Amino acid sequence: MMAPTIITQRAAPLRQQVVELLRQEILDDVLHPGQRLLENTLCERYGVSRTVIREALRQLESEHLITMLPNRGPIVTVLTAHDIQNLYEVRGTMEGLAGRLFAERATAEQAEALVALIGRMEDTYLRGTVESRGEAKDEFYELLLEGAANDVLRASLRGVHSRIGIFRHFAFVDDERVRISMEELRKIVTAAAVTRDPLVARTACEEHIRLAGELAIIEYDKHVVVDES
């Protein structure tokens, strides 16, 4: 049984605090795909009312991190291989566009920032922890989207990233996959920020996501649990 995580009152509403804690536990694989989320247990864990828990669960349902099942209640969302394939098809297209637009539109300062980041990622990503790898990848995409300068693309891609967050954690556990990923990221940075080649940048981004999608299906299936209780 997980230890209680009692929330203390602060500026953010209790509901938002619970949302943030639950979201992070799902993204960190503390709460696994398919695991039931019992209201009484969550109330005790966070020291809040059933109303707060229900509001938090509704918020996470809207983010596709939780699924409400008839007669069973909420579970951590379970995706199929087809679901993941669909997400990565869309993600690949959008990130390919982001790479192309960065190469075409990024300022010299933005290009320099992306090159500097890939240098730091030798420590924070390649030789980092699961946590630092996630943070480094977030910063990478933030810089890429800033340089792409397309607010519609930024919002759309963030939505996709939110949905894949439920299994993104697994990509940062395997050191060999991280090594390969780092090579792919270097290619993206070279094309988008150094040679400023839109076509090569787009292709590098799409290939990175294609390979990531193949791994995601394999790793996700290993971590899905079926709670029949």
Protein backbone atom coordinates (compact mmCIF):
# COMPACT_ATOMS: atom_id res chain seq x y z
CA MET A 1 0.00 0.00 0.00
CA MET A 2 1.33 3.44 -0.93
CA ALA A 3 2.20 5.83 1.88
CA PRO A 4 -0.14 8.78 2.44
CA THR A 5 0.68 12.05 0.69
CA ILE A 6 -1.17 14.60 2.78
CA ILE A 7 -1.66 17.88 0.97
CA THR A 8 -1.11 21.13 2.79
CA GLN A 9 -3.14 24.22 1.93
CA ARG A 10 -1.46 26.68 -0.40
CA ALA A 11 -2.46 29.20 -3.02
CA ALA A 12 -3.53 26.66 -5.65
CA PRO A 13 -6.93 25.05 -5.03
CA LEU A 14 -6.87 21.60 -3.43
CA ARG A 15 -8.34 20.12 -6.59
CA GLN A 16 -5.43 21.39 -8.68
CA GLN A 17 -2.92 20.08 -6.18
CA VAL A 18 -4.49 16.62 -6.36
CA VAL A 19 -4.58 16.80 -10.16
CA GLU A 20 -0.86 17.60 -10.26
CA LEU A 21 0.05 14.79 -7.86
CA LEU A 22 -2.09 12.18 -9.60
CA ARG A 23 -0.89 13.25 -13.03
CA GLN A 24 2.74 12.94 -12.00
CA GLU A 25 2.21 9.53 -10.44
CA ILE A 26 0.61 8.33 -13.68
CA LEU A 27 3.40 9.79 -15.81
CA ASP A 28 6.05 8.30 -13.50
CA ASP A 29 4.39 4.86 -13.67
CA VAL A 30 3.69 4.87 -9.94
CA LEU A 31 0.08 4.30 -10.98
CA HIS A 32 0.12 1.81 -13.83
CA PRO A 33 -2.05 1.52 -16.97
CA GLY A 34 -5.17 -0.43 -16.06
CA GLN A 35 -4.89 0.20 -12.31
CA ARG A 36 -8.16 1.04 -10.57
CA LEU A 37 -8.39 4.36 -8.74
CA LEU A 38 -10.61 3.91 -5.71
CA GLU A 39 -12.07 7.14 -4.33
CA ASN A 40 -11.82 6.07 -0.68
CA THR A 41 -8.17 5.13 -1.09
CA LEU A 42 -7.37 8.41 -2.82
CA CYS A 43 -9.20 10.41 -0.14
CA GLU A 44 -7.08 8.76 2.56
CA ARG A 45 -3.89 9.08 0.53
CA TYR A 46 -4.22 12.82 -0.05
CA GLY A 47 -6.28 13.77 2.98
CA VAL A 48 -9.02 15.47 0.95
CA SER A 49 -12.74 15.04 0.44
CA ARG A 50 -14.47 12.76 -2.06
CA THR A 51 -15.69 15.86 -3.92
CA VAL A 52 -12.11 17.05 -4.49
CA ILE A 53 -11.09 13.59 -5.72
CA ARG A 54 -14.00 13.41 -8.15
CA GLU A 55 -13.21 16.84 -9.57
CA ALA A 56 -9.56 15.87 -10.00
CA LEU A 57 -10.50 12.62 -11.73
CA ARG A 58 -12.78 14.47 -14.15
CA GLN A 59 -9.90 16.79 -15.04
CA LEU A 60 -7.55 13.89 -15.71
CA GLU A 61 -10.23 12.13 -17.74
CA SER A 62 -10.36 15.19 -20.00
CA GLU A 63 -6.58 14.78 -20.47
CA HIS A 64 -7.08 11.12 -21.46
CA LEU A 65 -4.92 9.93 -18.56
CA ILE A 66 -7.90 8.34 -16.82
CA THR A 67 -10.79 6.32 -18.25
CA MET A 68 -14.16 5.96 -16.54
CA LEU A 69 -15.47 2.40 -16.93
CA PRO A 70 -19.18 1.59 -16.45
CA ASN A 71 -19.83 -0.23 -13.17
CA ARG A 72 -16.10 -0.18 -12.30
CA GLY A 73 -15.15 3.46 -12.01
CA PRO A 74 -11.90 5.18 -12.97
CA ILE A 75 -8.74 3.39 -14.09
CA VAL A 76 -5.45 4.64 -15.44
CA THR A 77 -6.01 4.71 -19.19
CA VAL A 78 -5.03 1.60 -21.13
CA LEU A 79 -4.02 2.10 -24.75
CA THR A 80 -3.89 -0.48 -27.52
CA ALA A 81 -1.04 -0.89 -29.98
CA HIS A 82 -3.35 0.70 -32.56
CA ASP A 83 -3.94 3.71 -30.29
CA ILE A 84 -0.19 4.21 -29.84
CA GLN A 85 0.49 3.79 -33.55
CA ASN A 86 -2.14 6.43 -34.34
CA LEU A 87 -0.66 8.87 -31.82
CA TYR A 88 2.84 8.44 -33.19
CA GLU A 89 1.71 8.83 -36.79
CA VAL A 90 0.24 12.21 -35.90
CA ARG A 91 3.18 13.11 -33.68
CA GLY A 92 5.68 12.27 -36.41
CA THR A 93 3.94 14.51 -38.92
CA MET A 94 3.71 17.42 -36.49
CA GLU A 95 7.27 17.14 -35.21
CA GLY A 96 8.50 16.86 -38.77
CA LEU A 97 6.74 20.16 -39.46
CA ALA A 98 8.28 21.65 -36.31
CA GLY A 99 11.75 20.68 -37.48
CA ARG A 100 11.19 22.15 -40.92
CA LEU A 101 9.79 25.40 -39.57
CA PHE A 102 12.63 25.74 -37.08
CA ALA A 103 15.17 25.45 -39.88
CA GLU A 104 13.28 28.09 -41.85
CA ARG A 105 12.25 30.52 -39.12
CA ALA A 106 14.41 30.26 -36.01
CA THR A 107 16.53 33.25 -35.11
CA ALA A 108 20.29 32.91 -34.76
CA GLU A 109 19.84 33.10 -30.97
CA GLN A 110 17.26 30.30 -30.99
CA ALA A 111 19.52 28.13 -33.15
CA GLU A 112 22.43 28.74 -30.77
CA ALA A 113 20.23 27.83 -27.81
CA LEU A 114 19.28 24.50 -29.40
CA VAL A 115 22.93 23.70 -30.16
CA ALA A 116 23.91 24.59 -26.58
CA LEU A 117 21.13 22.38 -25.22
CA ILE A 118 22.22 19.32 -27.18
CA GLY A 119 25.67 19.84 -25.67
CA ARG A 120 24.26 19.86 -22.14
CA MET A 121 22.16 16.79 -22.93
CA GLU A 122 25.33 14.71 -23.07
CA ASP A 123 25.07 14.82 -19.27
CA THR A 124 21.39 15.45 -18.54
CA TYR A 125 20.00 13.04 -21.16
CA LEU A 126 22.63 10.55 -22.32
CA ARG A 127 24.18 10.02 -18.88
CA GLY A 128 21.29 11.37 -16.84
CA THR A 129 18.57 9.93 -14.65
CA VAL A 130 15.05 9.09 -15.77
CA GLU A 131 13.92 12.41 -14.29
CA SER A 132 16.65 14.52 -15.89
CA ARG A 133 16.09 12.80 -19.23
CA GLY A 134 12.43 13.77 -19.18
CA GLU A 135 13.25 17.35 -18.25
CA ALA A 136 15.90 17.61 -20.99
CA LYS A 137 13.51 16.26 -23.62
CA ASP A 138 10.85 18.75 -22.51
CA GLU A 139 13.33 21.60 -22.89
CA PHE A 140 14.34 20.31 -26.33
CA TYR A 141 10.76 20.42 -27.60
CA GLU A 142 10.13 23.80 -26.00
CA LEU A 143 13.07 25.30 -27.89
CA LEU A 144 12.11 23.52 -31.12
CA LEU A 145 8.56 24.88 -30.96
CA GLU A 146 9.69 28.37 -30.04
CA GLY A 147 11.83 28.47 -33.16
CA ALA A 148 9.07 26.99 -35.30
CA ALA A 149 6.93 30.03 -34.37
CA ASN A 150 3.53 28.43 -35.00
CA ASP A 151 1.12 28.67 -32.07
CA VAL A 152 -1.39 26.24 -33.59
CA LEU A 153 1.32 23.62 -34.03
CA ARG A 154 2.57 24.25 -30.47
CA ALA A 155 -0.89 23.74 -28.95
CA SER A 156 -1.64 20.67 -31.06
CA LEU A 157 1.68 18.99 -30.34
CA ARG A 158 1.35 19.67 -26.62
CA GLY A 159 -1.97 17.83 -26.71
CA VAL A 160 -0.33 14.81 -28.31
CA HIS A 161 2.58 14.95 -25.86
CA SER A 162 0.08 14.96 -23.00
CA ARG A 163 -1.56 11.79 -24.27
CA ILE A 164 1.69 9.92 -24.80
CA GLY A 165 2.87 11.01 -21.37
CA ILE A 166 1.17 7.91 -19.97
CA PHE A 167 3.98 5.75 -21.37
CA ARG A 168 6.71 8.29 -22.13
CA HIS A 169 8.47 7.37 -18.88
CA PHE A 170 9.44 3.97 -20.29
CA ALA A 171 11.56 5.52 -23.06
CA PHE A 172 13.98 6.95 -20.49
CA VAL A 173 14.68 3.69 -18.64
CA ASP A 174 16.59 1.80 -21.35
CA ASP A 175 20.13 3.19 -21.64
CA GLU A 176 20.66 1.71 -25.11
CA ARG A 177 17.47 3.30 -26.42
CA VAL A 178 18.54 6.62 -24.88
CA ARG A 179 21.91 6.33 -26.65
CA ILE A 180 20.19 5.78 -30.00
CA SER A 181 17.74 8.59 -29.26
CA MET A 182 20.63 10.93 -28.52
CA GLU A 183 22.14 10.20 -31.93
CA GLU A 184 18.80 11.00 -33.57
CA LEU A 185 18.50 14.26 -31.62
CA ARG A 186 21.99 15.31 -32.72
CA LYS A 187 20.94 14.80 -36.35
CA ILE A 188 17.85 16.96 -35.80
CA VAL A 189 19.89 19.76 -34.22
CA THR A 190 22.52 19.66 -36.96
CA ALA A 191 19.92 19.91 -39.72
CA ALA A 192 17.59 22.39 -38.02
CA ALA A 193 20.04 24.67 -36.21
CA VAL A 194 23.44 24.30 -37.90
CA THR A 195 23.02 23.62 -41.63
CA ARG A 196 19.45 25.03 -41.54
CA ASP A 197 18.19 22.42 -44.02
CA PRO A 198 14.37 22.23 -43.73
CA LEU A 199 13.96 18.96 -45.64
CA VAL A 200 16.66 17.09 -43.71
CA ALA A 201 15.37 18.50 -40.41
CA ARG A 202 11.86 17.31 -41.16
CA THR A 203 13.07 13.85 -42.16
CA ALA A 204 15.26 13.55 -39.05
CA CYS A 205 12.34 14.46 -36.78
CA GLU A 206 10.00 12.00 -38.49
CA GLU A 207 12.54 9.17 -38.27
CA HIS A 208 13.13 9.88 -34.59
CA ILE A 209 9.42 9.56 -33.85
CA ARG A 210 8.97 6.48 -36.06
CA LEU A 211 11.58 4.59 -34.06
CA ALA A 212 10.24 5.93 -30.77
CA GLY A 213 6.76 4.70 -31.69
CA GLU A 214 7.99 1.17 -32.37
CA LEU A 215 9.67 1.06 -28.97
CA ALA A 216 6.66 2.58 -27.22
CA ILE A 217 4.38 -0.27 -28.27
CA ILE A 218 6.83 -2.91 -27.01
CA GLU A 219 7.56 -1.20 -23.69
CA TYR A 220 3.98 -0.19 -22.96
CA ASP A 221 2.69 -3.76 -23.26
CA LYS A 222 5.19 -4.84 -20.59
CA HIS A 223 3.71 -2.43 -18.05
CA VAL A 224 -0.04 -2.78 -18.56
CA VAL A 225 -1.82 -4.36 -15.62
CA VAL A 226 -5.34 -5.71 -15.55
CA ASP A 227 -7.10 -5.11 -12.26
CA GLU A 228 -10.07 -7.48 -12.08
CA SER A 229 -11.02 -6.59 -8.50
